[in-house]
Amino acid sequence: MAKRKRPAPRRFLVLARTGPGHWPHPVEVGLHAAGADSVVSFSVGPHAVNAGGRVPLASVVDAGGLNPMFAAEFDAADLHWAVPLLVRLRSGEDVKAEIVAAYRERTGRPPETMP
C-alpha cells in the first residue's frame, strides 16, 4: 500500500495578537494568504480556554468590506487597516507583500508566522 504524502502545512501571518487584559479577552488573528483560497484563523479567549478556528476569507470579507459577524474581533485587534487589503486578496490579487509592509509600518517589525 502506497503512503499518502501529507500536504505541506499552511503558514499563517499573525496579523494581530492582543495581550491579556485587553478587551474582554485576548484575540489572535492569522492569515494564510492564498488569493481567493485564503484562510483567516481566529483564537479568542485566554490560552487555557480559548476558542477559535479557521474561516475562509470569503466568509470574513466581500467586495463591500468586513462581514459584521467579525467586527468585534477586528475592533479588539485594531485590525480594520487590513480590510481593504483582504478584500483585494479575496478578489485574487497578490497583496501578501503589501500586507506585510503595512503591518511593518504599523508595528516596526514584520508579522510573526505560525503553522
N, C-alpha and C. Protein backbone atom coordinates (compact mmCIF):
# COMPACT_ATOMS: atom_id res chain seq x y z
N MET A 1 0.84 -1.17 0.00
CA MET A 1 0.00 0.00 0.00
C MET A 1 0.89 1.25 0.00
N ALA A 2 0.64 2.13 -0.92
CA ALA A 2 1.44 3.35 -1.04
C ALA A 2 1.06 4.33 0.06
N LYS A 3 2.09 4.99 0.59
CA LYS A 3 1.84 6.02 1.60
C LYS A 3 1.39 7.29 0.92
N ARG A 4 0.40 7.92 1.53
CA ARG A 4 -0.04 9.22 1.01
C ARG A 4 0.88 10.29 1.54
N LYS A 5 1.24 11.18 0.66
CA LYS A 5 2.09 12.30 1.06
C LYS A 5 1.22 13.36 1.72
N ARG A 6 1.64 13.79 2.89
CA ARG A 6 0.89 14.84 3.58
C ARG A 6 1.14 16.18 2.90
N PRO A 7 0.09 16.97 2.78
CA PRO A 7 0.30 18.30 2.20
C PRO A 7 1.14 19.16 3.14
N ALA A 8 1.87 20.08 2.57
CA ALA A 8 2.68 20.99 3.40
C ALA A 8 1.75 21.78 4.30
N PRO A 9 2.17 22.01 5.54
CA PRO A 9 1.30 22.78 6.45
C PRO A 9 1.15 24.22 5.96
N ARG A 10 -0.02 24.76 6.18
CA ARG A 10 -0.26 26.16 5.82
C ARG A 10 0.52 27.05 6.78
N ARG A 11 1.11 28.09 6.26
CA ARG A 11 1.80 29.08 7.09
C ARG A 11 0.87 30.29 7.22
N PHE A 12 0.72 30.77 8.43
CA PHE A 12 -0.14 31.91 8.71
C PHE A 12 0.70 33.09 9.16
N LEU A 13 0.37 34.27 8.67
CA LEU A 13 0.93 35.52 9.18
C LEU A 13 0.09 35.92 10.38
N VAL A 14 0.71 36.22 11.49
CA VAL A 14 -0.03 36.69 12.67
C VAL A 14 -0.24 38.19 12.49
N LEU A 15 -1.47 38.57 12.17
CA LEU A 15 -1.78 39.98 11.92
C LEU A 15 -2.14 40.72 13.20
N ALA A 16 -2.55 40.01 14.23
CA ALA A 16 -2.93 40.65 15.48
C ALA A 16 -2.85 39.64 16.61
N ARG A 17 -2.35 40.12 17.73
CA ARG A 17 -2.34 39.31 18.96
C ARG A 17 -2.42 40.30 20.12
N THR A 18 -3.57 40.34 20.76
CA THR A 18 -3.73 41.26 21.89
C THR A 18 -3.19 40.60 23.15
N GLY A 19 -2.82 41.42 24.10
CA GLY A 19 -2.30 40.90 25.36
C GLY A 19 -3.42 40.58 26.33
N PRO A 20 -3.10 39.86 27.41
CA PRO A 20 -4.11 39.58 28.43
C PRO A 20 -4.61 40.88 29.04
N GLY A 21 -5.86 40.91 29.34
CA GLY A 21 -6.45 42.10 29.96
C GLY A 21 -6.96 43.11 28.96
N HIS A 22 -6.59 42.94 27.68
CA HIS A 22 -7.06 43.85 26.64
C HIS A 22 -8.43 43.37 26.17
N TRP A 23 -9.38 44.28 26.04
CA TRP A 23 -10.73 43.95 25.60
C TRP A 23 -11.32 42.97 26.60
N PRO A 24 -12.45 42.37 26.38
CA PRO A 24 -12.94 41.38 27.34
C PRO A 24 -12.08 40.12 27.39
N HIS A 25 -11.35 39.82 26.30
CA HIS A 25 -10.49 38.64 26.28
C HIS A 25 -9.47 38.80 25.16
N PRO A 26 -8.36 38.07 25.23
CA PRO A 26 -7.34 38.16 24.17
C PRO A 26 -7.87 37.65 22.83
N VAL A 27 -7.33 38.23 21.76
CA VAL A 27 -7.71 37.86 20.40
C VAL A 27 -6.43 37.69 19.58
N GLU A 28 -6.38 36.63 18.78
CA GLU A 28 -5.30 36.44 17.82
C GLU A 28 -5.92 36.20 16.46
N VAL A 29 -5.39 36.89 15.44
CA VAL A 29 -5.89 36.73 14.09
C VAL A 29 -4.71 36.44 13.17
N GLY A 30 -4.82 35.36 12.41
CA GLY A 30 -3.78 34.98 11.46
C GLY A 30 -4.34 34.90 10.05
N LEU A 31 -3.45 34.93 9.07
CA LEU A 31 -3.87 34.89 7.68
C LEU A 31 -2.97 33.96 6.88
N HIS A 32 -3.58 33.00 6.21
CA HIS A 32 -2.88 32.20 5.21
C HIS A 32 -3.26 32.82 3.87
N ALA A 33 -2.33 33.57 3.28
CA ALA A 33 -2.60 34.32 2.06
C ALA A 33 -2.45 33.43 0.84
N ALA A 34 -3.57 33.11 0.21
CA ALA A 34 -3.58 32.25 -0.98
C ALA A 34 -4.64 32.74 -1.96
N GLY A 35 -4.66 34.05 -2.20
CA GLY A 35 -5.64 34.62 -3.12
C GLY A 35 -7.06 34.33 -2.67
N ALA A 36 -7.90 33.95 -3.60
CA ALA A 36 -9.31 33.67 -3.29
C ALA A 36 -9.47 32.50 -2.34
N ASP A 37 -8.44 31.65 -2.21
CA ASP A 37 -8.49 30.49 -1.31
C ASP A 37 -7.88 30.79 0.06
N SER A 38 -7.68 32.05 0.39
CA SER A 38 -7.08 32.43 1.67
C SER A 38 -7.95 32.00 2.84
N VAL A 39 -7.29 31.82 3.98
CA VAL A 39 -7.96 31.39 5.20
C VAL A 39 -7.54 32.32 6.33
N VAL A 40 -8.50 32.68 7.18
CA VAL A 40 -8.23 33.52 8.35
C VAL A 40 -8.41 32.64 9.58
N SER A 41 -7.44 32.71 10.49
CA SER A 41 -7.55 31.95 11.74
C SER A 41 -7.87 32.92 12.88
N PHE A 42 -8.74 32.47 13.77
CA PHE A 42 -9.12 33.26 14.93
C PHE A 42 -8.89 32.43 16.19
N SER A 43 -8.37 33.06 17.21
CA SER A 43 -8.28 32.47 18.53
C SER A 43 -8.78 33.54 19.50
N VAL A 44 -9.79 33.21 20.27
CA VAL A 44 -10.43 34.18 21.14
C VAL A 44 -10.49 33.62 22.55
N GLY A 45 -10.02 34.38 23.51
CA GLY A 45 -10.08 33.98 24.90
C GLY A 45 -8.73 33.64 25.49
N PRO A 46 -8.67 33.52 26.81
CA PRO A 46 -7.42 33.16 27.47
C PRO A 46 -6.92 31.79 26.99
N HIS A 47 -5.61 31.62 26.97
CA HIS A 47 -4.99 30.43 26.41
C HIS A 47 -5.62 29.12 26.91
N ALA A 48 -5.86 29.01 28.17
CA ALA A 48 -6.36 27.75 28.73
C ALA A 48 -7.78 27.40 28.27
N VAL A 49 -8.55 28.39 27.88
CA VAL A 49 -9.94 28.13 27.50
C VAL A 49 -10.32 28.82 26.18
N ASN A 50 -9.33 29.06 25.32
CA ASN A 50 -9.65 29.80 24.10
C ASN A 50 -10.49 28.98 23.13
N ALA A 51 -11.15 29.69 22.27
CA ALA A 51 -11.93 29.07 21.20
C ALA A 51 -11.48 29.70 19.90
N GLY A 52 -11.66 29.01 18.83
CA GLY A 52 -11.25 29.59 17.56
C GLY A 52 -11.43 28.62 16.43
N GLY A 53 -10.90 29.00 15.32
CA GLY A 53 -10.98 28.16 14.15
C GLY A 53 -10.44 28.87 12.94
N ARG A 54 -10.55 28.18 11.83
CA ARG A 54 -10.11 28.73 10.55
C ARG A 54 -11.34 28.96 9.69
N VAL A 55 -11.38 30.14 9.09
CA VAL A 55 -12.55 30.57 8.32
C VAL A 55 -12.09 30.99 6.93
N PRO A 56 -12.77 30.56 5.88
CA PRO A 56 -12.40 31.04 4.54
C PRO A 56 -12.49 32.57 4.49
N LEU A 57 -11.51 33.19 3.85
CA LEU A 57 -11.51 34.65 3.73
C LEU A 57 -12.81 35.15 3.13
N ALA A 58 -13.40 34.38 2.21
CA ALA A 58 -14.65 34.79 1.57
C ALA A 58 -15.79 34.93 2.57
N SER A 59 -15.69 34.31 3.75
CA SER A 59 -16.71 34.47 4.79
C SER A 59 -16.43 35.67 5.68
N VAL A 60 -15.19 36.16 5.65
CA VAL A 60 -14.78 37.28 6.51
C VAL A 60 -14.97 38.61 5.81
N VAL A 61 -14.64 38.67 4.52
CA VAL A 61 -14.81 39.91 3.74
C VAL A 61 -15.47 39.58 2.41
N ASP A 62 -16.14 40.59 1.86
CA ASP A 62 -16.64 40.50 0.50
C ASP A 62 -16.31 41.82 -0.17
N ALA A 63 -16.80 42.05 -1.36
CA ALA A 63 -16.47 43.27 -2.10
C ALA A 63 -16.87 44.53 -1.34
N GLY A 64 -17.85 44.41 -0.45
CA GLY A 64 -18.30 45.56 0.32
C GLY A 64 -17.52 45.80 1.60
N GLY A 65 -16.65 44.87 1.97
CA GLY A 65 -15.85 45.05 3.18
C GLY A 65 -16.03 43.90 4.16
N LEU A 66 -15.88 44.22 5.43
CA LEU A 66 -15.88 43.23 6.51
C LEU A 66 -17.28 42.72 6.80
N ASN A 67 -17.40 41.41 6.95
CA ASN A 67 -18.64 40.80 7.40
C ASN A 67 -18.86 41.26 8.85
N PRO A 68 -20.01 41.85 9.19
CA PRO A 68 -20.25 42.36 10.54
C PRO A 68 -20.09 41.30 11.62
N MET A 69 -20.20 40.03 11.27
CA MET A 69 -20.05 38.97 12.27
C MET A 69 -18.64 38.96 12.87
N PHE A 70 -17.66 39.53 12.16
CA PHE A 70 -16.28 39.54 12.64
C PHE A 70 -15.83 40.91 13.14
N ALA A 71 -16.74 41.85 13.22
CA ALA A 71 -16.39 43.22 13.61
C ALA A 71 -15.81 43.29 15.01
N ALA A 72 -16.35 42.53 15.96
CA ALA A 72 -15.85 42.60 17.34
C ALA A 72 -14.38 42.19 17.42
N GLU A 73 -14.01 41.14 16.70
CA GLU A 73 -12.61 40.69 16.72
C GLU A 73 -11.70 41.70 16.04
N PHE A 74 -12.15 42.28 14.93
CA PHE A 74 -11.34 43.28 14.23
C PHE A 74 -11.23 44.55 15.06
N ASP A 75 -12.30 44.91 15.79
CA ASP A 75 -12.22 46.06 16.70
C ASP A 75 -11.21 45.80 17.81
N ALA A 76 -11.31 44.65 18.45
CA ALA A 76 -10.43 44.31 19.57
C ALA A 76 -8.97 44.28 19.14
N ALA A 77 -8.72 43.82 17.94
CA ALA A 77 -7.35 43.66 17.45
C ALA A 77 -6.86 44.89 16.69
N ASP A 78 -7.67 45.94 16.60
CA ASP A 78 -7.32 47.14 15.84
C ASP A 78 -6.85 46.73 14.44
N LEU A 79 -7.66 45.95 13.77
CA LEU A 79 -7.28 45.32 12.51
C LEU A 79 -8.02 45.86 11.29
N HIS A 80 -8.77 46.92 11.45
CA HIS A 80 -9.53 47.45 10.32
C HIS A 80 -8.63 47.96 9.20
N TRP A 81 -7.38 48.27 9.50
CA TRP A 81 -6.44 48.70 8.46
C TRP A 81 -6.26 47.63 7.38
N ALA A 82 -6.45 46.36 7.75
CA ALA A 82 -6.22 45.26 6.82
C ALA A 82 -7.41 44.96 5.91
N VAL A 83 -8.58 45.47 6.23
CA VAL A 83 -9.79 45.10 5.48
C VAL A 83 -9.66 45.41 3.99
N PRO A 84 -9.23 46.61 3.57
CA PRO A 84 -9.12 46.86 2.11
C PRO A 84 -8.15 45.88 1.43
N LEU A 85 -7.08 45.53 2.12
CA LEU A 85 -6.12 44.58 1.56
C LEU A 85 -6.72 43.18 1.48
N LEU A 86 -7.49 42.80 2.49
CA LEU A 86 -8.14 41.49 2.48
C LEU A 86 -9.19 41.39 1.38
N VAL A 87 -9.89 42.48 1.11
CA VAL A 87 -10.87 42.50 0.02
C VAL A 87 -10.15 42.27 -1.31
N ARG A 88 -9.01 42.93 -1.49
CA ARG A 88 -8.23 42.74 -2.72
C ARG A 88 -7.69 41.31 -2.80
N LEU A 89 -7.23 40.77 -1.68
CA LEU A 89 -6.72 39.39 -1.65
C LEU A 89 -7.84 38.42 -2.06
N ARG A 90 -9.02 38.63 -1.51
CA ARG A 90 -10.16 37.76 -1.83
C ARG A 90 -10.48 37.80 -3.31
N SER A 91 -10.28 38.94 -3.95
CA SER A 91 -10.58 39.05 -5.38
C SER A 91 -9.49 38.40 -6.24
N GLY A 92 -8.43 37.89 -5.61
CA GLY A 92 -7.40 37.17 -6.34
C GLY A 92 -6.10 37.93 -6.51
N GLU A 93 -6.04 39.18 -6.05
CA GLU A 93 -4.79 39.95 -6.16
C GLU A 93 -3.74 39.38 -5.21
N ASP A 94 -2.49 39.47 -5.60
CA ASP A 94 -1.39 39.04 -4.75
C ASP A 94 -0.93 40.25 -3.93
N VAL A 95 -1.48 40.39 -2.73
CA VAL A 95 -1.18 41.54 -1.89
C VAL A 95 -0.43 41.14 -0.62
N LYS A 96 0.09 39.92 -0.56
CA LYS A 96 0.78 39.47 0.65
C LYS A 96 1.91 40.43 1.04
N ALA A 97 2.72 40.84 0.07
CA ALA A 97 3.82 41.76 0.37
C ALA A 97 3.30 43.09 0.90
N GLU A 98 2.17 43.55 0.37
CA GLU A 98 1.57 44.80 0.86
C GLU A 98 1.06 44.65 2.29
N ILE A 99 0.50 43.49 2.60
CA ILE A 99 0.03 43.23 3.96
C ILE A 99 1.21 43.23 4.92
N VAL A 100 2.29 42.56 4.55
CA VAL A 100 3.49 42.53 5.40
C VAL A 100 4.05 43.94 5.57
N ALA A 101 4.11 44.72 4.49
CA ALA A 101 4.63 46.10 4.56
C ALA A 101 3.74 46.98 5.44
N ALA A 102 2.42 46.84 5.32
CA ALA A 102 1.51 47.63 6.14
C ALA A 102 1.64 47.26 7.61
N TYR A 103 1.79 45.97 7.88
CA TYR A 103 1.99 45.52 9.27
C TYR A 103 3.29 46.11 9.82
N ARG A 104 4.36 46.02 9.03
CA ARG A 104 5.67 46.56 9.46
C ARG A 104 5.59 48.06 9.71
N GLU A 105 4.86 48.77 8.86
CA GLU A 105 4.71 50.21 9.03
C GLU A 105 4.00 50.54 10.35
N ARG A 106 3.03 49.72 10.72
CA ARG A 106 2.27 49.95 11.95
C ARG A 106 3.04 49.55 13.20
N THR A 107 3.84 48.47 13.10
CA THR A 107 4.47 47.91 14.31
C THR A 107 5.98 48.05 14.37
N GLY A 108 6.61 48.34 13.23
CA GLY A 108 8.06 48.45 13.21
C GLY A 108 8.77 47.12 13.01
N ARG A 109 8.02 46.05 12.79
CA ARG A 109 8.62 44.73 12.58
C ARG A 109 7.70 43.90 11.69
N PRO A 110 8.24 42.85 11.05
CA PRO A 110 7.37 42.01 10.22
C PRO A 110 6.46 41.16 11.09
N PRO A 111 5.36 40.67 10.53
CA PRO A 111 4.49 39.81 11.32
C PRO A 111 5.15 38.45 11.58
N GLU A 112 4.83 37.87 12.72
CA GLU A 112 5.28 36.50 13.01
C GLU A 112 4.57 35.58 12.04
N THR A 113 5.13 34.38 11.88
CA THR A 113 4.44 33.35 11.12
C THR A 113 4.22 32.16 12.04
N MET A 114 3.20 31.38 11.75
CA MET A 114 2.91 30.18 12.53
C MET A 114 2.30 29.14 11.60
N PRO A 115 2.51 27.84 11.95
CA PRO A 115 1.90 26.80 11.12
C PRO A 115 0.41 26.71 11.36
